[in-house]
Amino acid sequence: MSLEINIEKKLNSFILNSSFSMNSNHTALLGASGSGKSMILKCIAGIEIPDKGVIKVNGRTLFDDKKGIYIKPQKRKVGYLFQDYALFPNFTVRKNISCVKNKGNKKTKVRSLLQRFDIEEIADSYPAELSGGQKQRVALARLLASEPEILMLDEPFSALDTFLKEKVEIEMKNFLAEFSGDVIMVTHNRSEAYRLCEKLVILDEGQTIEKGDLKEIFEQPQHLATSKLTGCKNFSRIKKITEHQLFACDWGVQLKTEKTITDDIGWVGVRAHDFYDPFDQQVDNSFSTTMIDTAQTLFERQHLCQNQEAKETIWWKVDKSQAQATFSGRLAVLPENIQLLKARE
């Protein structure tokens, strides 16, 4: 199974320009709201038409502006799970599933899907009578009834409350593990992306700025926007001193890096949990700072720190099980935990 996409489409505030490919994996499209994620899915599904470019699924061309190819949505073999599930309100669960199954033994197939998703008992119920989790299972059953080659999930958990979301996410993970084709999931939730996908595409104002192995991108993002989207909270502009030494202008500190500082690097990032209290003032990358505020969550202490020379504060997170009784007045970061980041023009 494979997907190839290279499209361009003018939107209200920017031009969507996205290019990536998939090969039998689960890929997350991660970006801020309004970055073009859902539009990409709509173009793949045929609901929207790109201004130019190419879309292929398993070598079959669905769209090619130069060759004048446009395959209608119902012939694309693409399963699209909408944010609100888009169930037909006047159809029962059974009819919602059977309405897309138009060949073979329809009754047997529908019965099998009802059993698979554990929705036999609600087969004669209407969407308004279902919980959020039940609606999602019905929507997934309907997708499989159409025998898709690729599944596209648009913010699949956004309509669910926190408790139900965690339960349904586990069900979704098990379901996706059994699906043999490609899966694309649109989300602005980095945790969902990390738990459910292996590959990652980062979108920033319609541009694909990073793509590849999800864990590698989370560990070593290349762009400022990517670092923000993957959860980093501490950033500073830099001045390069040597190939492995820089001055973090907004923090007022000098830092050594493991990676080479190339000329296109303009920012440094450090995740809040990568700072630590060194106690020993002689360690590399340590600096004096003042703790100006503290907030507590159920499992963490979040400290807001700032030194006298700094323009920006620093977030430092500590697991409560590892929290110290006292603070030495210094923070440090290992050279390998410093992110060297490019900023888009």
Protein backbone atom coordinates (compact mmCIF):
# COMPACT_ATOMS: atom_id res chain seq x y z
CA MET A 1 0.00 0.00 0.00
CA SER A 2 1.30 3.47 -0.82
CA LEU A 3 0.28 7.11 -1.09
CA GLU A 4 2.05 9.86 -3.02
CA ILE A 5 0.93 13.46 -2.78
CA ASN A 6 2.38 16.65 -4.21
CA ILE A 7 -0.25 19.38 -4.38
CA GLU A 8 -0.75 23.12 -4.32
CA LYS A 9 -3.96 24.98 -3.54
CA LYS A 10 -4.59 28.66 -2.86
CA LEU A 11 -6.48 29.23 0.39
CA ASN A 12 -7.70 32.46 1.99
CA SER A 13 -4.56 33.41 3.90
CA PHE A 14 -1.82 31.27 2.33
CA ILE A 15 -0.99 28.77 -0.39
CA LEU A 16 -1.16 25.13 0.66
CA ASN A 17 1.94 23.42 -0.70
CA SER A 18 2.36 19.87 0.55
CA SER A 19 4.46 16.95 -0.62
CA PHE A 20 4.96 13.59 1.11
CA SER A 21 4.63 9.85 0.54
CA MET A 22 3.57 6.86 2.62
CA ASN A 23 4.21 3.14 2.36
CA SER A 24 2.09 0.87 4.59
CA ASN A 25 2.34 2.96 7.71
CA HIS A 26 0.42 5.25 10.02
CA THR A 27 1.23 8.92 9.47
CA ALA A 28 0.15 11.94 11.52
CA LEU A 29 -0.34 15.37 9.99
CA LEU A 30 0.53 17.72 12.84
CA GLY A 31 0.03 21.44 12.69
CA ALA A 32 -1.69 24.39 14.31
CA SER A 33 -5.38 25.06 13.63
CA GLY A 34 -5.81 26.45 10.13
CA SER A 35 -2.49 25.14 8.81
CA GLY A 36 -4.12 23.13 5.99
CA LYS A 37 -4.23 19.64 7.53
CA SER A 38 -7.91 18.90 6.87
CA MET A 39 -7.70 20.41 3.39
CA ILE A 40 -5.07 17.83 2.46
CA LEU A 41 -7.46 15.03 3.46
CA LYS A 42 -10.28 16.61 1.47
CA CYS A 43 -8.04 16.80 -1.61
CA ILE A 44 -7.08 13.13 -1.26
CA ALA A 45 -10.75 12.19 -0.85
CA GLY A 46 -11.76 14.27 -3.88
CA ILE A 47 -14.03 16.58 -1.89
CA GLU A 48 -11.74 19.49 -2.76
CA ILE A 49 -9.69 19.86 -5.94
CA PRO A 50 -6.06 21.09 -5.82
CA ASP A 51 -5.01 23.90 -8.16
CA LYS A 52 -2.20 21.70 -9.37
CA GLY A 53 -0.22 18.61 -8.51
CA VAL A 54 -0.51 14.84 -8.32
CA ILE A 55 -2.20 12.38 -5.94
CA LYS A 56 -1.62 8.63 -6.25
CA VAL A 57 -2.82 5.68 -4.15
CA ASN A 58 -1.14 2.32 -4.76
CA GLY A 59 0.18 3.59 -8.08
CA ARG A 60 -3.30 4.60 -9.25
CA THR A 61 -3.56 8.28 -10.16
CA LEU A 62 -6.48 10.00 -8.45
CA PHE A 63 -5.56 13.51 -9.55
CA ASP A 64 -3.11 15.00 -12.04
CA ASP A 65 -3.75 18.52 -13.30
CA LYS A 66 -1.31 18.23 -16.21
CA LYS A 67 -2.88 15.01 -17.49
CA GLY A 68 -6.42 16.17 -16.75
CA ILE A 69 -7.10 13.27 -14.38
CA TYR A 70 -9.71 13.60 -11.64
CA ILE A 71 -11.27 10.47 -10.15
CA LYS A 72 -14.65 11.00 -8.47
CA PRO A 73 -14.71 10.59 -4.66
CA GLN A 74 -16.89 7.46 -4.70
CA LYS A 75 -14.38 5.67 -6.94
CA ARG A 76 -11.22 6.51 -4.99
CA LYS A 77 -11.41 3.70 -2.39
CA VAL A 78 -10.57 6.21 0.32
CA GLY A 79 -12.16 5.98 3.77
CA TYR A 80 -12.67 9.37 5.43
CA LEU A 81 -13.64 9.65 9.11
CA PHE A 82 -14.96 13.17 9.65
CA GLN A 83 -14.60 15.03 12.95
CA ASP A 84 -18.34 14.75 13.64
CA TYR A 85 -18.51 11.22 12.10
CA ALA A 86 -21.15 12.38 9.54
CA LEU A 87 -23.63 9.59 10.28
CA PHE A 88 -27.00 9.87 8.53
CA PRO A 89 -29.38 10.97 11.33
CA ASN A 90 -32.48 9.34 9.83
CA PHE A 91 -30.78 5.97 9.26
CA THR A 92 -30.34 3.26 11.87
CA VAL A 93 -26.86 1.99 12.69
CA ARG A 94 -27.45 -1.00 10.42
CA LYS A 95 -28.57 1.17 7.52
CA ASN A 96 -25.69 3.64 8.00
CA ILE A 97 -23.31 0.72 7.46
CA SER A 98 -25.21 -1.04 4.68
CA CYS A 99 -25.79 2.10 2.59
CA VAL A 100 -22.18 2.07 1.36
CA LYS A 101 -21.98 -1.67 0.72
CA ASN A 102 -23.20 -2.14 -2.84
CA LYS A 103 -21.78 -5.46 -3.94
CA GLY A 104 -21.39 -9.03 -2.75
CA ASN A 105 -23.29 -10.44 0.20
CA LYS A 106 -24.34 -7.20 1.87
CA LYS A 107 -26.22 -8.73 4.82
CA THR A 108 -23.36 -11.05 5.74
CA LYS A 109 -20.80 -8.23 5.52
CA VAL A 110 -22.89 -5.87 7.64
CA ARG A 111 -23.51 -8.57 10.24
CA SER A 112 -19.78 -9.24 10.40
CA LEU A 113 -19.00 -5.54 10.92
CA LEU A 114 -21.65 -5.21 13.63
CA GLN A 115 -20.00 -8.11 15.46
CA ARG A 116 -16.47 -6.84 14.91
CA PHE A 117 -17.20 -3.44 16.42
CA ASP A 118 -19.46 -4.80 19.16
CA ILE A 119 -22.46 -2.75 18.03
CA GLU A 120 -25.00 -5.54 17.41
CA GLU A 121 -27.16 -4.41 20.33
CA ILE A 122 -27.52 -0.90 18.89
CA ALA A 123 -27.99 -1.97 15.25
CA ASP A 124 -31.54 -0.60 15.16
CA SER A 125 -30.75 2.60 17.07
CA TYR A 126 -30.37 6.04 15.51
CA PRO A 127 -27.26 8.27 15.81
CA ALA A 128 -28.96 10.66 18.25
CA GLU A 129 -29.35 7.76 20.68
CA LEU A 130 -25.64 6.85 20.69
CA SER A 131 -22.70 7.89 22.85
CA GLY A 132 -19.62 9.47 21.29
CA GLY A 133 -17.70 6.19 21.42
CA GLN A 134 -20.56 4.28 19.82
CA LYS A 135 -20.83 6.84 17.03
CA GLN A 136 -17.14 6.43 16.28
CA ARG A 137 -17.40 2.64 16.12
CA VAL A 138 -20.36 2.92 13.74
CA ALA A 139 -18.44 5.38 11.57
CA LEU A 140 -15.43 3.04 11.44
CA ALA A 141 -17.65 0.09 10.54
CA ARG A 142 -19.15 2.13 7.72
CA LEU A 143 -15.66 3.00 6.48
CA LEU A 144 -14.64 -0.66 6.30
CA ALA A 145 -17.88 -1.54 4.52
CA SER A 146 -16.62 0.53 1.59
CA GLU A 147 -13.42 -1.60 1.47
CA PRO A 148 -10.98 1.36 1.41
CA GLU A 149 -7.32 1.14 0.48
CA ILE A 150 -6.45 4.05 2.74
CA LEU A 151 -8.01 5.46 5.92
CA MET A 152 -8.06 9.16 6.79
CA LEU A 153 -8.96 10.28 10.30
CA ASP A 154 -9.74 13.97 10.83
CA GLU A 155 -9.29 14.87 14.53
CA PRO A 156 -10.91 11.54 15.51
CA PHE A 157 -11.10 12.31 19.25
CA SER A 158 -12.02 16.00 19.23
CA ALA A 159 -15.72 15.36 19.91
CA LEU A 160 -15.08 13.21 23.00
CA ASP A 161 -14.65 14.13 26.66
CA THR A 162 -11.36 13.26 28.40
CA PHE A 163 -12.45 10.00 30.02
CA LEU A 164 -14.12 8.63 26.90
CA LYS A 165 -11.27 9.85 24.70
CA GLU A 166 -8.72 7.63 26.45
CA LYS A 167 -10.96 4.57 26.17
CA VAL A 168 -11.80 5.17 22.51
CA GLU A 169 -8.14 5.84 21.68
CA ILE A 170 -7.22 2.34 22.88
CA GLU A 171 -9.99 0.89 20.70
CA MET A 172 -8.73 2.94 17.76
CA LYS A 173 -5.15 1.74 18.27
CA ASN A 174 -6.28 -1.89 18.18
CA PHE A 175 -8.41 -1.24 15.11
CA LEU A 176 -5.56 0.45 13.22
CA ALA A 177 -3.19 -2.41 14.05
CA GLU A 178 -5.50 -4.75 12.12
CA PHE A 179 -5.90 -2.49 9.07
CA SER A 180 -3.47 -3.43 6.29
CA GLY A 181 -3.53 -0.16 4.36
CA ASP A 182 -2.11 3.30 4.97
CA VAL A 183 -3.60 5.52 7.66
CA ILE A 184 -3.40 9.32 7.81
CA MET A 185 -4.49 11.05 10.99
CA VAL A 186 -4.95 14.81 11.22
CA THR A 187 -4.39 16.21 14.70
CA HIS A 188 -3.09 19.21 16.61
CA ASN A 189 -2.56 16.96 19.65
CA ARG A 190 1.06 15.79 19.75
CA SER A 191 0.33 13.07 22.33
CA GLU A 192 -2.28 11.44 20.09
CA ALA A 193 0.14 11.53 17.18
CA TYR A 194 2.93 10.00 19.26
CA ARG A 195 0.80 7.13 20.57
CA LEU A 196 -0.91 6.16 17.31
CA CYS A 197 1.52 6.86 14.46
CA GLU A 198 5.03 5.95 13.29
CA LYS A 199 5.55 8.72 10.73
CA LEU A 200 5.01 12.45 11.01
CA VAL A 201 4.39 15.33 8.61
CA ILE A 202 4.67 18.84 10.09
CA LEU A 203 2.63 21.63 8.50
CA ASP A 204 3.21 25.32 9.10
CA GLU A 205 0.93 27.79 7.29
CA GLY A 206 0.32 25.32 4.48
CA GLN A 207 3.95 24.30 4.02
CA THR A 208 5.38 20.85 4.71
CA ILE A 209 8.43 21.80 6.77
CA GLU A 210 9.42 18.37 8.16
CA LYS A 211 8.53 14.75 7.46
CA GLY A 212 9.91 11.38 8.49
CA ASP A 213 10.17 9.09 11.49
CA LEU A 214 7.94 10.43 14.25
CA LYS A 215 10.24 9.69 17.19
CA GLU A 216 13.27 11.15 15.43
CA ILE A 217 11.41 14.40 14.71
CA PHE A 218 10.20 14.63 18.32
CA GLU A 219 13.73 14.06 19.64
CA GLN A 220 15.57 16.34 17.20
CA PRO A 221 13.26 18.78 15.40
CA GLN A 222 14.90 20.92 12.74
CA HIS A 223 12.59 23.95 12.74
CA LEU A 224 11.31 26.34 15.38
CA ALA A 225 7.68 25.67 14.43
CA THR A 226 8.23 21.91 14.70
CA SER A 227 9.77 22.22 18.14
CA LYS A 228 6.78 24.25 19.35
CA LEU A 229 4.29 21.75 17.90
CA THR A 230 6.07 18.85 19.59
CA GLY A 231 5.84 20.47 23.00
CA CYS A 232 9.04 22.43 23.63
CA LYS A 233 8.43 25.62 25.65
CA ASN A 234 11.88 27.21 25.97
CA PHE A 235 13.39 29.13 23.04
CA SER A 236 16.10 31.71 22.54
CA ARG A 237 17.68 33.47 19.60
CA ILE A 238 21.37 32.69 19.31
CA LYS A 239 24.74 34.08 18.34
CA LYS A 240 27.16 31.48 17.05
CA ILE A 241 30.55 31.50 18.79
CA THR A 242 32.15 28.32 17.40
CA GLU A 243 30.81 25.23 15.67
CA HIS A 244 29.84 23.78 19.06
CA GLN A 245 29.33 26.86 21.20
CA LEU A 246 26.68 29.58 21.16
CA PHE A 247 25.28 32.46 23.16
CA ALA A 248 21.55 32.19 23.94
CA CYS A 249 20.62 35.86 23.62
CA ASP A 250 17.23 35.72 25.34
CA TRP A 251 18.51 33.68 28.29
CA GLY A 252 21.83 35.48 28.68
CA VAL A 253 23.85 32.24 28.85
CA GLN A 254 26.62 30.54 26.89
CA LEU A 255 26.03 26.91 25.91
CA LYS A 256 28.00 24.03 24.41
CA THR A 257 26.24 21.78 21.89
CA GLU A 258 26.75 18.22 20.75
CA LYS A 259 25.61 18.93 17.19
CA THR A 260 27.44 21.26 14.84
CA ILE A 261 25.97 24.77 14.68
CA THR A 262 25.51 25.53 10.99
CA ASP A 263 25.05 29.05 9.64
CA ASP A 264 21.30 28.59 9.06
CA ILE A 265 20.62 27.97 12.77
CA GLY A 266 18.89 30.96 14.36
CA TRP A 267 17.31 29.54 17.50
CA VAL A 268 17.95 27.12 20.32
CA GLY A 269 15.29 25.10 22.13
CA VAL A 270 15.34 23.08 25.36
CA ARG A 271 12.44 21.01 26.65
CA ALA A 272 11.28 21.89 30.15
CA HIS A 273 12.11 18.44 31.55
CA ASP A 274 15.66 18.53 30.08
CA PHE A 275 16.86 21.20 32.49
CA TYR A 276 18.20 19.96 35.84
CA ASP A 277 19.70 21.28 39.08
CA PRO A 278 23.47 20.55 38.82
CA PHE A 279 24.49 21.42 42.41
CA ASP A 280 28.10 21.22 41.15
CA GLN A 281 28.76 24.62 39.56
CA GLN A 282 31.59 23.19 37.43
CA VAL A 283 29.40 21.19 35.02
CA ASP A 284 29.06 22.37 31.42
CA ASN A 285 26.04 24.45 30.46
CA SER A 286 25.14 25.48 34.01
CA PHE A 287 24.05 28.99 34.92
CA SER A 288 22.64 30.87 37.89
CA THR A 289 18.94 31.65 37.89
CA THR A 290 16.12 32.72 40.18
CA MET A 291 12.93 30.74 40.66
CA ILE A 292 10.15 33.31 40.29
CA ASP A 293 7.06 31.10 40.32
CA THR A 294 5.95 27.49 40.80
CA ALA A 295 2.83 25.62 39.70
CA GLN A 296 1.89 22.07 40.54
CA THR A 297 0.02 19.48 38.52
CA LEU A 298 -0.98 16.04 39.71
CA PHE A 299 2.41 14.52 38.85
CA GLU A 300 4.77 17.45 38.17
CA ARG A 301 6.16 20.65 39.58
CA GLN A 302 6.54 23.40 36.99
CA HIS A 303 9.02 26.11 37.89
CA LEU A 304 9.37 29.46 36.13
CA CYS A 305 12.97 30.70 36.28
CA GLN A 306 14.89 33.76 35.08
CA ASN A 307 18.39 35.12 35.49
CA GLN A 308 19.32 38.79 35.71
CA GLU A 309 20.62 39.06 32.14
CA ALA A 310 17.67 37.25 30.54
CA LYS A 311 14.83 38.68 28.47
CA GLU A 312 12.86 35.44 28.55
CA THR A 313 11.86 33.13 31.39
CA ILE A 314 12.62 29.41 31.41
CA TRP A 315 10.15 26.64 32.17
CA TRP A 316 11.61 23.78 34.21
CA LYS A 317 9.51 20.69 34.86
CA VAL A 318 10.32 18.13 37.56
CA ASP A 319 8.53 14.88 38.29
CA LYS A 320 7.18 15.02 41.84
CA SER A 321 8.81 11.68 42.64
CA GLN A 322 12.20 13.23 41.81
CA ALA A 323 11.61 16.70 43.23
CA GLN A 324 14.27 18.09 45.56
CA ALA A 325 13.61 19.77 48.90
CA THR A 326 15.86 22.70 48.02
CA PHE A 327 17.00 24.51 44.86
CA SER A 328 20.68 25.35 44.42
CA GLY A 329 19.98 28.46 42.37
CA ARG A 330 21.48 26.97 39.20
CA LEU A 331 20.12 25.13 36.16
CA ALA A 332 21.99 23.06 33.58
CA VAL A 333 21.29 21.20 30.35
CA LEU A 334 23.26 18.42 28.66
CA PRO A 335 24.77 19.33 25.25
CA GLU A 336 22.86 16.50 23.55
CA ASN A 337 19.53 17.91 24.78
CA ILE A 338 19.96 21.26 23.05
CA GLN A 339 17.85 21.66 19.92
CA LEU A 340 19.40 23.67 17.09
CA LEU A 341 16.55 25.20 15.12
CA LYS A 342 15.92 26.95 11.83
CA ALA A 343 13.21 29.58 11.49
CA ARG A 344 11.16 30.00 8.32
CA GLU A 345 11.64 33.29 6.50
